[in-house]
Amino acid sequence: MDNLTSNQALYYYLSQLIGQHVVTEDDQLIFSAFEANDIHHACQAIRDTNSGDIEYQHLTLRFGSHSEQSVYQFDLSTSMRFCLDLYSLYLAVRQTKFQIETFHPDLISNVVVPISHDALLWQQGQFFLKQIIRFHAGAFYHIIPSLQLSETSTLHPDTQPLSDTLKEYAYALWFDISPSQMQLDRLLPLAPDAFKVAVTIESKQDRSALLPLVRFCRLHKIKWVAGRICSQEELTQFKRLGASYYFGYFSDLPTAMSFKSFGDAHNEVM
């Protein structure tokens, strides 16, 4: 297989891959949206809890005229979900390349990309990641993969090598977790830079469920990132609990970012 040395090569590899993994009716719907260049990132600020300054950009795949729909809300096959995770990584590479080419180095925003651990251990995902690291390392350095793990992910023999690779070549390595999802001790050998949690603390039960994570991060000096902030009062509570960063604040509306298709001149940002 040819090396994926350019943006165009990355895109066409994914185009063929997605087309080959249409299984369900919703897979076909997503593939049609992909062909119409209607799947793109929604960017949302990740802010420092103390200063309120924007530290990173959080990227999630959306489609629709107003980026209103998550691509993952449909009945997608596992392989299609993996393909979309790789496409999200590709778009992040494109975005960071655009920043490198356009902005002063001090103005480049590192971007956080949620991605399934299993997608990167998939044979096609392993190949794609290796190609990005080999030929697009400068852009990949400004990406923070936020790995989504299953209950058994830490038992997979390739999980540690994958984490080591991401820590070496990416800006940082985060993990998407649920406070009740798994034994946090299992994640320590993976040397996480931060945990990202999308939880509310509206009730006493919600706050109690979060406390083990808070204590664990404090003990091991690991940063954690709070999502789904609905109010200033809730933000204040997360700050008191020790969250380093937050996103999903009601006033930080997601901004759509997309690129022209390769049939358009110069393939620039839209």
Protein backbone atom coordinates (compact mmCIF):
# COMPACT_ATOMS: atom_id res chain seq x y z
CA MET A 1 0.00 0.00 0.00
CA ASP A 2 1.25 3.48 -0.88
CA ASN A 3 2.37 5.81 1.89
CA LEU A 4 -0.09 8.53 2.91
CA THR A 5 2.26 11.46 2.55
CA SER A 6 -0.26 14.22 1.79
CA ASN A 7 -3.64 15.47 2.98
CA GLN A 8 -5.13 14.18 -0.23
CA ALA A 9 -3.68 10.70 0.26
CA LEU A 10 -5.06 10.55 3.80
CA TYR A 11 -8.47 11.62 2.59
CA TYR A 12 -8.71 9.17 -0.27
CA TYR A 13 -7.59 6.32 1.95
CA LEU A 14 -10.40 7.13 4.36
CA SER A 15 -12.89 7.61 1.54
CA GLN A 16 -12.24 4.10 0.30
CA LEU A 17 -12.21 2.69 3.83
CA ILE A 18 -15.56 4.23 4.73
CA GLY A 19 -17.11 3.07 1.47
CA GLN A 20 -15.95 -0.48 2.14
CA HIS A 21 -17.53 -0.61 5.61
CA VAL A 22 -21.13 0.35 4.92
CA VAL A 23 -23.24 -2.28 6.72
CA THR A 24 -26.37 -0.67 8.18
CA GLU A 25 -28.81 1.81 6.64
CA ASP A 26 -27.40 4.47 8.95
CA ASP A 27 -23.90 3.59 7.74
CA GLN A 28 -25.12 4.47 4.24
CA LEU A 29 -26.62 7.72 5.52
CA ILE A 30 -23.32 8.70 7.09
CA PHE A 31 -21.37 7.67 3.99
CA SER A 32 -23.63 9.87 1.85
CA ALA A 33 -23.02 12.78 4.23
CA PHE A 34 -19.29 12.11 4.02
CA GLU A 35 -19.37 12.16 0.20
CA ALA A 36 -21.25 15.47 0.33
CA ASN A 37 -18.54 16.92 2.62
CA ASP A 38 -21.20 17.38 5.27
CA ILE A 39 -19.30 15.84 8.19
CA HIS A 40 -17.03 18.19 10.04
CA HIS A 41 -15.77 19.20 13.44
CA ALA A 42 -17.56 21.28 15.98
CA CYS A 43 -14.96 23.16 18.04
CA GLN A 44 -15.57 24.18 21.63
CA ALA A 45 -13.23 25.99 23.98
CA ILE A 46 -11.58 24.18 26.87
CA ARG A 47 -10.81 26.78 29.52
CA ASP A 48 -8.55 26.99 32.53
CA THR A 49 -10.74 26.73 35.61
CA ASN A 50 -8.93 29.47 37.52
CA SER A 51 -8.28 32.06 34.83
CA GLY A 52 -11.03 31.28 32.34
CA ASP A 53 -8.48 31.50 29.51
CA ILE A 54 -8.88 29.19 26.53
CA GLU A 55 -6.22 26.49 26.74
CA TYR A 56 -7.38 23.96 24.11
CA GLN A 57 -10.08 23.31 21.55
CA HIS A 58 -12.35 20.28 21.93
CA LEU A 59 -13.32 18.68 18.61
CA THR A 60 -16.32 16.44 17.97
CA LEU A 61 -17.77 15.15 14.70
CA ARG A 62 -21.09 16.67 13.63
CA PHE A 63 -23.15 16.87 10.52
CA GLY A 64 -26.18 18.83 9.33
CA SER A 65 -26.56 22.36 8.03
CA HIS A 66 -25.95 23.80 11.50
CA SER A 67 -23.68 21.06 12.89
CA GLU A 68 -26.59 20.01 15.05
CA GLN A 69 -26.31 16.23 14.89
CA SER A 70 -23.70 13.90 16.33
CA VAL A 71 -22.61 11.27 13.84
CA TYR A 72 -22.53 8.71 16.64
CA GLN A 73 -26.23 8.92 17.52
CA PHE A 74 -27.15 6.61 14.65
CA ASP A 75 -27.23 2.82 14.37
CA LEU A 76 -23.69 2.46 13.05
CA SER A 77 -21.68 -0.70 12.66
CA THR A 78 -18.55 -1.00 14.78
CA SER A 79 -16.31 -0.68 11.74
CA MET A 80 -18.09 2.50 10.62
CA ARG A 81 -17.58 4.01 14.07
CA PHE A 82 -13.90 3.19 13.80
CA CYS A 83 -13.76 4.82 10.36
CA LEU A 84 -15.36 7.98 11.72
CA ASP A 85 -12.85 8.11 14.57
CA LEU A 86 -10.04 7.97 12.02
CA TYR A 87 -11.75 10.67 9.97
CA SER A 88 -11.97 12.84 13.08
CA LEU A 89 -8.23 12.36 13.60
CA TYR A 90 -7.62 13.29 9.95
CA LEU A 91 -9.66 16.49 10.34
CA ALA A 92 -7.66 17.37 13.44
CA VAL A 93 -4.44 16.96 11.45
CA ARG A 94 -5.88 19.24 8.77
CA GLN A 95 -6.87 21.83 11.34
CA THR A 96 -3.49 21.91 13.05
CA LYS A 97 -1.72 22.11 9.68
CA PHE A 98 -3.90 25.08 8.80
CA GLN A 99 -2.95 26.77 12.07
CA ILE A 100 0.76 26.07 11.54
CA GLU A 101 0.61 27.57 8.05
CA THR A 102 -1.50 30.57 9.08
CA PHE A 103 -0.71 31.69 12.62
CA HIS A 104 2.27 32.66 14.72
CA PRO A 105 3.47 29.64 16.75
CA ASP A 106 2.32 31.32 19.98
CA LEU A 107 -1.25 31.45 18.64
CA ILE A 108 -1.62 27.78 17.73
CA SER A 109 -4.32 26.00 19.74
CA ASN A 110 -3.70 22.39 20.64
CA VAL A 111 -6.80 20.35 19.90
CA VAL A 112 -8.41 17.55 21.92
CA VAL A 113 -9.83 14.68 19.86
CA PRO A 114 -11.98 11.96 21.47
CA ILE A 115 -11.14 8.65 19.82
CA SER A 116 -11.85 5.02 20.56
CA HIS A 117 -8.93 3.00 21.88
CA ASP A 118 -10.23 0.08 19.79
CA ALA A 119 -10.22 2.17 16.60
CA LEU A 120 -6.47 2.74 16.95
CA LEU A 121 -5.87 -0.97 17.60
CA TRP A 122 -7.95 -1.94 14.56
CA GLN A 123 -5.61 -3.07 11.78
CA GLN A 124 -6.60 -0.17 9.54
CA GLY A 125 -6.37 2.22 12.47
CA GLN A 126 -2.86 1.08 13.32
CA PHE A 127 -1.77 1.68 9.74
CA PHE A 128 -3.41 5.12 9.64
CA LEU A 129 -1.84 6.24 12.92
CA LYS A 130 1.61 5.09 11.82
CA GLN A 131 1.25 7.04 8.57
CA ILE A 132 0.24 10.20 10.42
CA ILE A 133 3.15 9.92 12.83
CA ARG A 134 5.61 9.22 10.03
CA PHE A 135 4.52 11.85 7.51
CA HIS A 136 2.46 14.39 9.48
CA ALA A 137 4.30 14.50 12.81
CA GLY A 138 4.41 18.29 13.01
CA ALA A 139 0.63 18.52 12.93
CA PHE A 140 0.12 15.50 15.16
CA TYR A 141 2.24 17.11 17.87
CA HIS A 142 -0.53 19.68 18.40
CA ILE A 143 -3.18 16.99 18.92
CA ILE A 144 -4.27 15.57 22.28
CA PRO A 145 -5.96 12.19 21.78
CA SER A 146 -8.61 11.59 24.43
CA LEU A 147 -8.87 7.81 24.44
CA GLN A 148 -12.23 6.19 25.06
CA LEU A 149 -11.74 2.89 26.88
CA SER A 150 -13.94 -0.10 27.50
CA GLU A 151 -13.91 -2.15 30.70
CA THR A 152 -11.35 -4.56 29.24
CA SER A 153 -9.16 -2.09 27.32
CA THR A 154 -6.41 -2.07 29.92
CA LEU A 155 -6.11 -5.85 29.60
CA HIS A 156 -5.28 -5.71 25.89
CA PRO A 157 -1.57 -6.42 25.29
CA ASP A 158 -1.28 -3.55 22.79
CA THR A 159 -2.79 -0.90 25.04
CA GLN A 160 0.50 -0.01 26.75
CA PRO A 161 2.49 0.28 23.49
CA LEU A 162 -0.29 2.42 22.00
CA SER A 163 -0.28 4.73 25.00
CA ASP A 164 3.51 4.99 24.90
CA THR A 165 3.39 5.92 21.21
CA LEU A 166 0.75 8.58 21.72
CA LYS A 167 2.64 10.08 24.65
CA GLU A 168 5.80 10.25 22.56
CA TYR A 169 4.35 11.90 19.46
CA ALA A 170 1.20 13.76 20.55
CA TYR A 171 1.09 16.89 22.69
CA ALA A 172 -0.44 14.95 25.59
CA LEU A 173 -2.59 11.91 26.29
CA TRP A 174 -5.98 12.20 27.93
CA PHE A 175 -8.59 9.57 28.72
CA ASP A 176 -12.36 9.89 28.46
CA ILE A 177 -13.76 8.17 31.51
CA SER A 178 -16.86 7.76 33.60
CA PRO A 179 -16.19 7.89 37.36
CA SER A 180 -17.96 4.55 37.80
CA GLN A 181 -16.64 2.98 34.60
CA MET A 182 -13.52 1.17 35.72
CA GLN A 183 -10.85 0.74 38.33
CA LEU A 184 -8.76 3.88 38.00
CA ASP A 185 -5.63 2.12 39.29
CA ARG A 186 -5.48 0.19 36.03
CA LEU A 187 -4.86 3.44 34.15
CA LEU A 188 -1.79 4.51 36.11
CA PRO A 189 0.70 2.46 34.01
CA LEU A 190 -0.59 4.32 30.94
CA ALA A 191 0.66 7.61 32.45
CA PRO A 192 -2.38 9.77 31.64
CA ASP A 193 -1.84 13.52 31.50
CA ALA A 194 -5.50 14.15 32.30
CA PHE A 195 -8.91 12.54 32.63
CA LYS A 196 -11.90 14.04 30.84
CA VAL A 197 -15.31 13.48 32.38
CA ALA A 198 -18.68 14.63 31.08
CA VAL A 199 -20.83 14.56 34.21
CA THR A 200 -23.23 16.80 36.05
CA ILE A 201 -23.19 17.46 39.77
CA GLU A 202 -26.75 18.65 40.10
CA SER A 203 -27.64 16.18 42.84
CA LYS A 204 -25.90 14.93 45.96
CA GLN A 205 -25.73 11.49 44.35
CA ASP A 206 -23.94 12.95 41.30
CA ARG A 207 -21.38 14.68 43.51
CA SER A 208 -20.80 11.54 45.57
CA ALA A 209 -20.16 9.51 42.41
CA LEU A 210 -17.47 11.99 41.36
CA LEU A 211 -15.58 12.05 44.66
CA PRO A 212 -13.51 8.85 44.10
CA LEU A 213 -12.14 10.36 40.88
CA VAL A 214 -11.40 13.64 42.64
CA ARG A 215 -9.49 11.86 45.41
CA PHE A 216 -7.64 9.65 42.93
CA CYS A 217 -6.49 12.60 40.83
CA ARG A 218 -5.42 14.55 43.89
CA LEU A 219 -3.44 11.58 45.24
CA HIS A 220 -1.64 10.90 41.95
CA LYS A 221 -1.40 14.55 40.82
CA ILE A 222 -3.38 13.94 37.63
CA LYS A 223 -5.38 16.78 36.10
CA TRP A 224 -9.03 16.32 35.24
CA VAL A 225 -11.34 18.13 32.88
CA ALA A 226 -15.02 18.77 33.56
CA GLY A 227 -17.62 18.85 30.81
CA ARG A 228 -21.32 19.72 30.58
CA ILE A 229 -21.11 22.89 32.66
CA CYS A 230 -24.65 24.25 32.82
CA SER A 231 -24.25 27.28 35.08
CA GLN A 232 -21.81 29.53 36.88
CA GLU A 233 -22.77 27.85 40.15
CA GLU A 234 -21.88 24.42 38.76
CA LEU A 235 -18.58 25.78 37.43
CA THR A 236 -17.77 27.10 40.91
CA GLN A 237 -18.44 23.65 42.38
CA PHE A 238 -16.18 21.94 39.83
CA LYS A 239 -13.48 24.47 40.63
CA ARG A 240 -13.74 23.69 44.34
CA LEU A 241 -13.50 19.98 43.56
CA GLY A 242 -10.19 20.57 41.80
CA ALA A 243 -10.98 20.47 38.07
CA SER A 244 -8.08 21.96 36.10
CA TYR A 245 -10.09 22.70 32.95
CA TYR A 246 -13.70 22.80 31.83
CA PHE A 247 -15.63 22.78 28.56
CA GLY A 248 -19.22 22.60 27.42
CA TYR A 249 -20.04 25.87 29.21
CA PHE A 250 -23.43 27.20 28.14
CA SER A 251 -21.96 30.41 26.70
CA ASP A 252 -19.19 28.65 24.71
CA LEU A 253 -21.24 27.65 21.69
CA PRO A 254 -19.62 25.07 19.38
CA THR A 255 -18.22 26.50 16.15
CA ALA A 256 -18.30 24.43 12.97
CA MET A 257 -15.05 24.08 11.04
CA SER A 258 -14.80 22.33 7.71
CA PHE A 259 -12.53 22.11 4.68
CA LYS A 260 -13.42 22.28 1.03
CA SER A 261 -13.43 18.95 -0.75
CA PHE A 262 -10.47 17.92 -2.87
CA GLY A 263 -12.43 18.82 -5.97
CA ASP A 264 -12.25 22.49 -4.96
CA ALA A 265 -9.34 24.79 -5.63
CA HIS A 266 -6.57 24.82 -3.04
CA ASN A 267 -8.60 22.71 -0.60
CA GLU A 268 -8.70 25.57 1.89
CA VAL A 269 -10.74 26.07 5.03
CA MET A 270 -14.38 27.05 4.60
